[in-house]
């Protein structure tokens, strides 16, 4: 049986920026070095922080995060999820989330390959 039952999966994670190096290392170890990284802001269960600037108090409820996306076909998505979870874990609120999504199709721009061949 093939990985992911022959399907293409996108593993998307929103993690702390300081844990990106650990996540990249974990992904390389499971054989999934290709990824896309985007700086994002968001809020979840992590509490808001209060700050003060020029005597005025303000609340920061959107925290800086990093979104990591990894599309796999020949590597089990569960292995990718585990590598991200292990690399991003601190045990504190705000560690992030991991999502696994099906990919309907893929096309490689340079060669025109489609489906599993494109990944």
N, C-alpha and C. Protein backbone atom coordinates (compact mmCIF):
# COMPACT_ATOMS: atom_id res chain seq x y z
N UNK A 1 0.84 -1.18 0.00
CA UNK A 1 0.00 0.00 0.00
C UNK A 1 0.89 1.25 0.00
N UNK A 2 0.48 2.28 -0.75
CA UNK A 2 1.28 3.49 -0.85
C UNK A 2 0.95 4.45 0.29
N UNK A 3 1.85 5.40 0.48
CA UNK A 3 1.64 6.41 1.53
C UNK A 3 0.41 7.23 1.21
N UNK A 4 -0.37 7.58 2.21
CA UNK A 4 -1.57 8.41 2.09
C UNK A 4 -2.60 7.78 1.15
N UNK A 5 -2.59 6.47 1.02
CA UNK A 5 -3.52 5.75 0.15
C UNK A 5 -3.47 6.27 -1.29
N UNK A 6 -2.28 6.66 -1.74
CA UNK A 6 -2.11 7.14 -3.10
C UNK A 6 -2.60 8.55 -3.34
N UNK A 7 -2.92 9.27 -2.30
CA UNK A 7 -3.43 10.63 -2.43
C UNK A 7 -2.36 11.65 -2.07
N UNK A 8 -2.58 12.89 -2.51
CA UNK A 8 -1.71 14.00 -2.16
C UNK A 8 -2.34 14.69 -0.95
N UNK A 9 -1.52 14.98 0.04
CA UNK A 9 -1.99 15.65 1.26
C UNK A 9 -1.19 16.92 1.50
N UNK A 10 -1.86 17.93 2.01
CA UNK A 10 -1.17 19.14 2.47
C UNK A 10 -1.23 19.16 3.98
N UNK A 11 -0.07 19.23 4.60
CA UNK A 11 0.01 19.38 6.05
C UNK A 11 0.35 20.84 6.31
N UNK A 12 -0.54 21.51 7.03
CA UNK A 12 -0.39 22.93 7.31
C UNK A 12 -0.34 23.11 8.82
N UNK A 13 0.63 23.86 9.28
CA UNK A 13 0.79 24.09 10.72
C UNK A 13 0.99 25.58 10.99
N UNK A 14 0.46 26.04 12.10
CA UNK A 14 0.70 27.40 12.58
C UNK A 14 1.43 27.23 13.90
N UNK A 15 2.68 27.72 13.95
CA UNK A 15 3.55 27.46 15.10
C UNK A 15 4.23 28.75 15.56
N UNK A 16 4.93 28.64 16.69
CA UNK A 16 5.73 29.75 17.20
C UNK A 16 6.93 29.98 16.27
N UNK A 17 7.29 31.23 15.98
CA UNK A 17 8.42 31.49 15.09
C UNK A 17 9.75 30.92 15.59
N UNK A 18 9.94 30.90 16.90
CA UNK A 18 11.21 30.41 17.45
C UNK A 18 11.35 28.89 17.35
N UNK A 19 10.30 28.18 16.99
CA UNK A 19 10.37 26.72 16.85
C UNK A 19 10.54 26.27 15.40
N UNK A 20 10.65 27.23 14.46
CA UNK A 20 10.76 26.89 13.04
C UNK A 20 11.99 26.03 12.74
N UNK A 21 13.12 26.36 13.31
CA UNK A 21 14.34 25.58 13.04
C UNK A 21 14.17 24.12 13.48
N UNK A 22 13.54 23.90 14.63
CA UNK A 22 13.32 22.53 15.11
C UNK A 22 12.36 21.78 14.19
N UNK A 23 11.33 22.47 13.70
CA UNK A 23 10.37 21.85 12.79
C UNK A 23 11.04 21.50 11.47
N UNK A 24 11.85 22.42 10.93
CA UNK A 24 12.56 22.14 9.68
C UNK A 24 13.47 20.93 9.82
N UNK A 25 14.15 20.84 10.94
CA UNK A 25 15.05 19.71 11.19
C UNK A 25 14.26 18.40 11.25
N UNK A 26 13.12 18.41 11.93
CA UNK A 26 12.27 17.22 12.02
C UNK A 26 11.73 16.80 10.67
N UNK A 27 11.32 17.77 9.85
CA UNK A 27 10.80 17.45 8.52
C UNK A 27 11.90 16.85 7.63
N UNK A 28 13.10 17.37 7.73
CA UNK A 28 14.22 16.82 6.95
C UNK A 28 14.50 15.38 7.38
N UNK A 29 14.38 15.08 8.66
CA UNK A 29 14.64 13.73 9.16
C UNK A 29 13.62 12.71 8.64
N UNK A 30 12.36 13.12 8.41
CA UNK A 30 11.35 12.19 7.88
C UNK A 30 11.32 12.19 6.36
N UNK A 31 12.20 12.98 5.73
CA UNK A 31 12.28 12.99 4.28
C UNK A 31 11.34 13.95 3.59
N UNK A 32 10.91 14.98 4.29
CA UNK A 32 10.01 15.98 3.72
C UNK A 32 10.64 17.37 3.80
N UNK A 33 11.72 17.61 3.06
CA UNK A 33 12.42 18.89 3.19
C UNK A 33 11.73 20.05 2.47
N UNK A 34 10.80 19.77 1.53
CA UNK A 34 10.14 20.84 0.78
C UNK A 34 9.01 21.44 1.61
N UNK A 35 9.05 22.75 1.77
CA UNK A 35 8.01 23.40 2.55
C UNK A 35 7.89 24.86 2.15
N UNK A 36 6.77 25.45 2.53
CA UNK A 36 6.53 26.88 2.33
C UNK A 36 6.30 27.47 3.71
N UNK A 37 6.93 28.61 3.98
CA UNK A 37 6.82 29.26 5.29
C UNK A 37 6.31 30.69 5.09
N UNK A 38 5.30 31.05 5.87
CA UNK A 38 4.70 32.39 5.79
C UNK A 38 4.60 32.96 7.20
N UNK A 39 4.94 34.24 7.36
CA UNK A 39 4.74 34.92 8.64
C UNK A 39 3.28 35.36 8.72
N UNK A 40 2.62 34.99 9.81
CA UNK A 40 1.20 35.31 10.00
C UNK A 40 0.97 35.82 11.41
N UNK A 41 -0.20 36.40 11.65
CA UNK A 41 -0.63 36.81 12.98
C UNK A 41 -1.94 36.12 13.27
N UNK A 42 -2.18 35.80 14.54
CA UNK A 42 -3.44 35.16 14.87
C UNK A 42 -3.63 35.10 16.38
N UNK A 43 -4.79 34.59 16.74
CA UNK A 43 -5.06 34.39 18.16
C UNK A 43 -5.83 33.10 18.35
N UNK A 44 -5.61 32.51 19.48
CA UNK A 44 -6.28 31.27 19.83
C UNK A 44 -6.38 31.22 21.34
N UNK A 45 -5.87 30.15 21.92
CA UNK A 45 -5.96 30.00 23.37
C UNK A 45 -4.87 30.75 24.12
N UNK A 46 -3.87 31.26 23.39
CA UNK A 46 -2.79 32.01 24.04
C UNK A 46 -3.34 33.33 24.56
N UNK A 47 -3.08 33.65 25.83
CA UNK A 47 -3.67 34.87 26.40
C UNK A 47 -3.10 36.14 25.77
N UNK A 48 -3.91 37.21 25.80
CA UNK A 48 -3.48 38.51 25.29
C UNK A 48 -2.43 39.10 26.22
N UNK A 49 -1.56 39.93 25.65
CA UNK A 49 -0.53 40.58 26.45
C UNK A 49 -0.83 42.06 26.52
N UNK A 50 -0.60 42.63 27.69
CA UNK A 50 -0.80 44.07 27.87
C UNK A 50 0.56 44.75 27.78
N UNK A 51 0.57 45.91 27.15
CA UNK A 51 1.80 46.68 27.02
C UNK A 51 1.52 48.14 27.25
N UNK A 52 2.59 48.93 27.28
CA UNK A 52 2.43 50.35 27.49
C UNK A 52 3.38 51.08 26.54
N UNK A 53 2.87 52.11 25.87
CA UNK A 53 3.68 52.89 24.95
C UNK A 53 3.31 54.35 25.12
N UNK A 54 4.28 55.17 25.46
CA UNK A 54 4.08 56.61 25.70
C UNK A 54 2.96 56.87 26.69
N UNK A 55 2.93 56.07 27.72
CA UNK A 55 1.96 56.27 28.78
C UNK A 55 0.59 55.67 28.53
N UNK A 56 0.36 55.19 27.34
CA UNK A 56 -0.93 54.59 27.00
C UNK A 56 -0.83 53.07 27.07
N UNK A 57 -1.83 52.45 27.68
CA UNK A 57 -1.85 50.99 27.75
C UNK A 57 -2.55 50.42 26.51
N UNK A 58 -2.02 49.34 26.00
CA UNK A 58 -2.63 48.69 24.84
C UNK A 58 -2.59 47.18 25.04
N UNK A 59 -3.42 46.47 24.29
CA UNK A 59 -3.51 45.02 24.37
C UNK A 59 -3.09 44.41 23.04
N UNK A 60 -2.22 43.42 23.11
CA UNK A 60 -1.81 42.68 21.93
C UNK A 60 -2.50 41.33 21.99
N UNK A 61 -3.51 41.14 21.12
CA UNK A 61 -4.21 39.85 21.12
C UNK A 61 -3.97 39.07 19.83
N UNK A 62 -3.25 39.66 18.88
CA UNK A 62 -2.81 38.93 17.68
C UNK A 62 -1.32 38.66 17.83
N UNK A 63 -0.97 37.38 17.96
CA UNK A 63 0.40 36.99 18.19
C UNK A 63 1.08 36.61 16.89
N UNK A 64 2.36 36.91 16.79
CA UNK A 64 3.13 36.56 15.60
C UNK A 64 3.34 35.05 15.57
N UNK A 65 3.03 34.45 14.43
CA UNK A 65 3.18 33.01 14.24
C UNK A 65 3.81 32.76 12.88
N UNK A 66 4.13 31.51 12.62
CA UNK A 66 4.67 31.09 11.33
C UNK A 66 3.76 29.98 10.82
N UNK A 67 3.33 30.11 9.55
CA UNK A 67 2.54 29.04 8.93
C UNK A 67 3.47 28.22 8.05
N UNK A 68 3.50 26.92 8.29
CA UNK A 68 4.34 25.99 7.54
C UNK A 68 3.42 25.09 6.73
N UNK A 69 3.66 25.01 5.43
CA UNK A 69 2.86 24.14 4.56
C UNK A 69 3.79 23.15 3.87
N UNK A 70 3.38 21.90 3.87
CA UNK A 70 4.18 20.83 3.28
C UNK A 70 3.23 19.89 2.53
N UNK A 71 3.44 19.74 1.22
CA UNK A 71 2.61 18.87 0.41
C UNK A 71 3.38 17.56 0.19
N UNK A 72 2.72 16.44 0.51
CA UNK A 72 3.38 15.14 0.41
C UNK A 72 2.50 14.13 -0.31
N UNK A 73 3.16 13.20 -1.00
CA UNK A 73 2.44 12.09 -1.62
C UNK A 73 3.11 10.77 -1.31
N UNK A 74 4.44 10.76 -1.28
CA UNK A 74 5.17 9.52 -1.04
C UNK A 74 5.62 9.35 0.40
N UNK A 75 5.34 10.33 1.25
CA UNK A 75 5.67 10.27 2.68
C UNK A 75 4.35 10.31 3.43
N UNK A 76 4.14 9.43 4.40
CA UNK A 76 2.88 9.45 5.15
C UNK A 76 2.66 10.80 5.84
N UNK A 77 1.46 11.35 5.67
CA UNK A 77 1.13 12.64 6.29
C UNK A 77 1.26 12.55 7.81
N UNK A 78 0.98 11.36 8.38
CA UNK A 78 1.08 11.19 9.83
C UNK A 78 2.53 11.41 10.31
N UNK A 79 3.52 10.98 9.49
CA UNK A 79 4.92 11.19 9.86
C UNK A 79 5.27 12.67 9.86
N UNK A 80 4.71 13.41 8.90
CA UNK A 80 4.95 14.84 8.82
C UNK A 80 4.31 15.55 10.01
N UNK A 81 3.08 15.15 10.34
CA UNK A 81 2.39 15.73 11.50
C UNK A 81 3.19 15.48 12.77
N UNK A 82 3.67 14.27 12.95
CA UNK A 82 4.45 13.93 14.14
C UNK A 82 5.75 14.75 14.21
N UNK A 83 6.42 14.93 13.08
CA UNK A 83 7.66 15.71 13.06
C UNK A 83 7.39 17.16 13.43
N UNK A 84 6.30 17.72 12.92
CA UNK A 84 5.95 19.11 13.26
C UNK A 84 5.57 19.21 14.73
N UNK A 85 4.75 18.28 15.20
CA UNK A 85 4.32 18.31 16.60
C UNK A 85 5.51 18.21 17.54
N UNK A 86 6.41 17.29 17.25
CA UNK A 86 7.59 17.12 18.12
C UNK A 86 8.50 18.35 18.09
N UNK A 87 8.68 18.95 16.92
CA UNK A 87 9.55 20.11 16.80
C UNK A 87 8.97 21.38 17.40
N UNK A 88 7.63 21.52 17.36
CA UNK A 88 6.99 22.76 17.80
C UNK A 88 6.55 22.73 19.26
N UNK A 89 6.61 21.60 19.91
CA UNK A 89 6.05 21.44 21.27
C UNK A 89 6.89 22.16 22.32
N UNK A 90 6.21 23.00 23.12
CA UNK A 90 6.83 23.58 24.32
C UNK A 90 6.02 23.24 25.56
N UNK A 91 4.76 22.84 25.37
CA UNK A 91 3.89 22.53 26.49
C UNK A 91 3.13 23.72 27.03
N UNK A 92 3.28 24.88 26.40
CA UNK A 92 2.60 26.10 26.85
C UNK A 92 1.50 26.48 25.87
N UNK A 93 0.51 27.26 26.32
CA UNK A 93 -0.52 27.73 25.38
C UNK A 93 0.14 28.52 24.24
N UNK A 94 -0.36 28.35 23.03
CA UNK A 94 0.19 29.06 21.88
C UNK A 94 1.18 28.25 21.08
N UNK A 95 1.32 26.95 21.37
CA UNK A 95 2.23 26.10 20.60
C UNK A 95 1.79 25.99 19.14
N UNK A 96 0.50 26.04 18.88
CA UNK A 96 0.02 26.03 17.51
C UNK A 96 -0.91 24.87 17.21
N UNK A 97 -1.21 24.72 15.93
CA UNK A 97 -2.10 23.67 15.46
C UNK A 97 -1.54 23.09 14.17
N UNK A 98 -1.93 21.84 13.87
CA UNK A 98 -1.54 21.18 12.63
C UNK A 98 -2.82 20.69 11.95
N UNK A 99 -2.94 20.95 10.66
CA UNK A 99 -4.09 20.53 9.88
C UNK A 99 -3.63 19.67 8.71
N UNK A 100 -4.41 18.65 8.36
CA UNK A 100 -4.12 17.82 7.19
C UNK A 100 -5.29 17.96 6.23
N UNK A 101 -4.99 18.37 5.00
CA UNK A 101 -6.02 18.61 4.00
C UNK A 101 -5.77 17.77 2.75
N UNK A 102 -6.82 17.31 2.09
CA UNK A 102 -6.62 16.62 0.82
C UNK A 102 -6.31 17.64 -0.28
N UNK A 103 -5.48 17.23 -1.23
CA UNK A 103 -5.16 18.08 -2.38
C UNK A 103 -5.80 17.43 -3.60
N UNK A 104 -6.72 18.14 -4.24
CA UNK A 104 -7.44 17.58 -5.39
C UNK A 104 -6.53 17.39 -6.61
N UNK A 105 -5.68 18.37 -6.86
CA UNK A 105 -4.77 18.25 -8.00
C UNK A 105 -3.54 19.09 -7.77
N UNK A 106 -2.50 18.79 -8.55
CA UNK A 106 -1.26 19.55 -8.48
C UNK A 106 -0.66 19.59 -9.89
N UNK A 107 -0.10 20.73 -10.25
CA UNK A 107 0.55 20.89 -11.55
C UNK A 107 1.89 21.56 -11.32
N UNK A 108 2.95 20.96 -11.85
CA UNK A 108 4.27 21.56 -11.75
C UNK A 108 4.40 22.57 -12.90
N UNK A 109 4.64 23.82 -12.58
CA UNK A 109 4.64 24.89 -13.57
C UNK A 109 5.74 24.67 -14.63
N UNK A 110 6.93 24.34 -14.22
CA UNK A 110 8.05 24.23 -15.15
C UNK A 110 7.87 23.12 -16.17
N UNK A 111 7.44 21.93 -15.71
CA UNK A 111 7.38 20.78 -16.61
C UNK A 111 5.98 20.45 -17.10
N UNK A 112 4.95 20.94 -16.41
CA UNK A 112 3.59 20.61 -16.78
C UNK A 112 3.13 19.27 -16.23
N UNK A 113 3.96 18.61 -15.41
CA UNK A 113 3.56 17.34 -14.80
C UNK A 113 2.35 17.56 -13.91
N UNK A 114 1.49 16.55 -13.83
CA UNK A 114 0.28 16.68 -13.03
C UNK A 114 0.15 15.55 -12.03
N UNK A 115 -0.68 15.76 -11.01
CA UNK A 115 -0.97 14.75 -10.02
C UNK A 115 0.23 14.38 -9.17
N UNK A 116 0.38 13.09 -8.88
CA UNK A 116 1.48 12.62 -8.02
C UNK A 116 2.84 12.96 -8.60
N UNK A 117 2.97 12.98 -9.94
CA UNK A 117 4.24 13.29 -10.57
C UNK A 117 4.68 14.74 -10.31
N UNK A 118 3.71 15.61 -10.07
CA UNK A 118 4.03 17.02 -9.83
C UNK A 118 4.60 17.26 -8.44
N UNK A 119 4.25 16.37 -7.52
CA UNK A 119 4.69 16.54 -6.14
C UNK A 119 6.07 15.92 -6.00
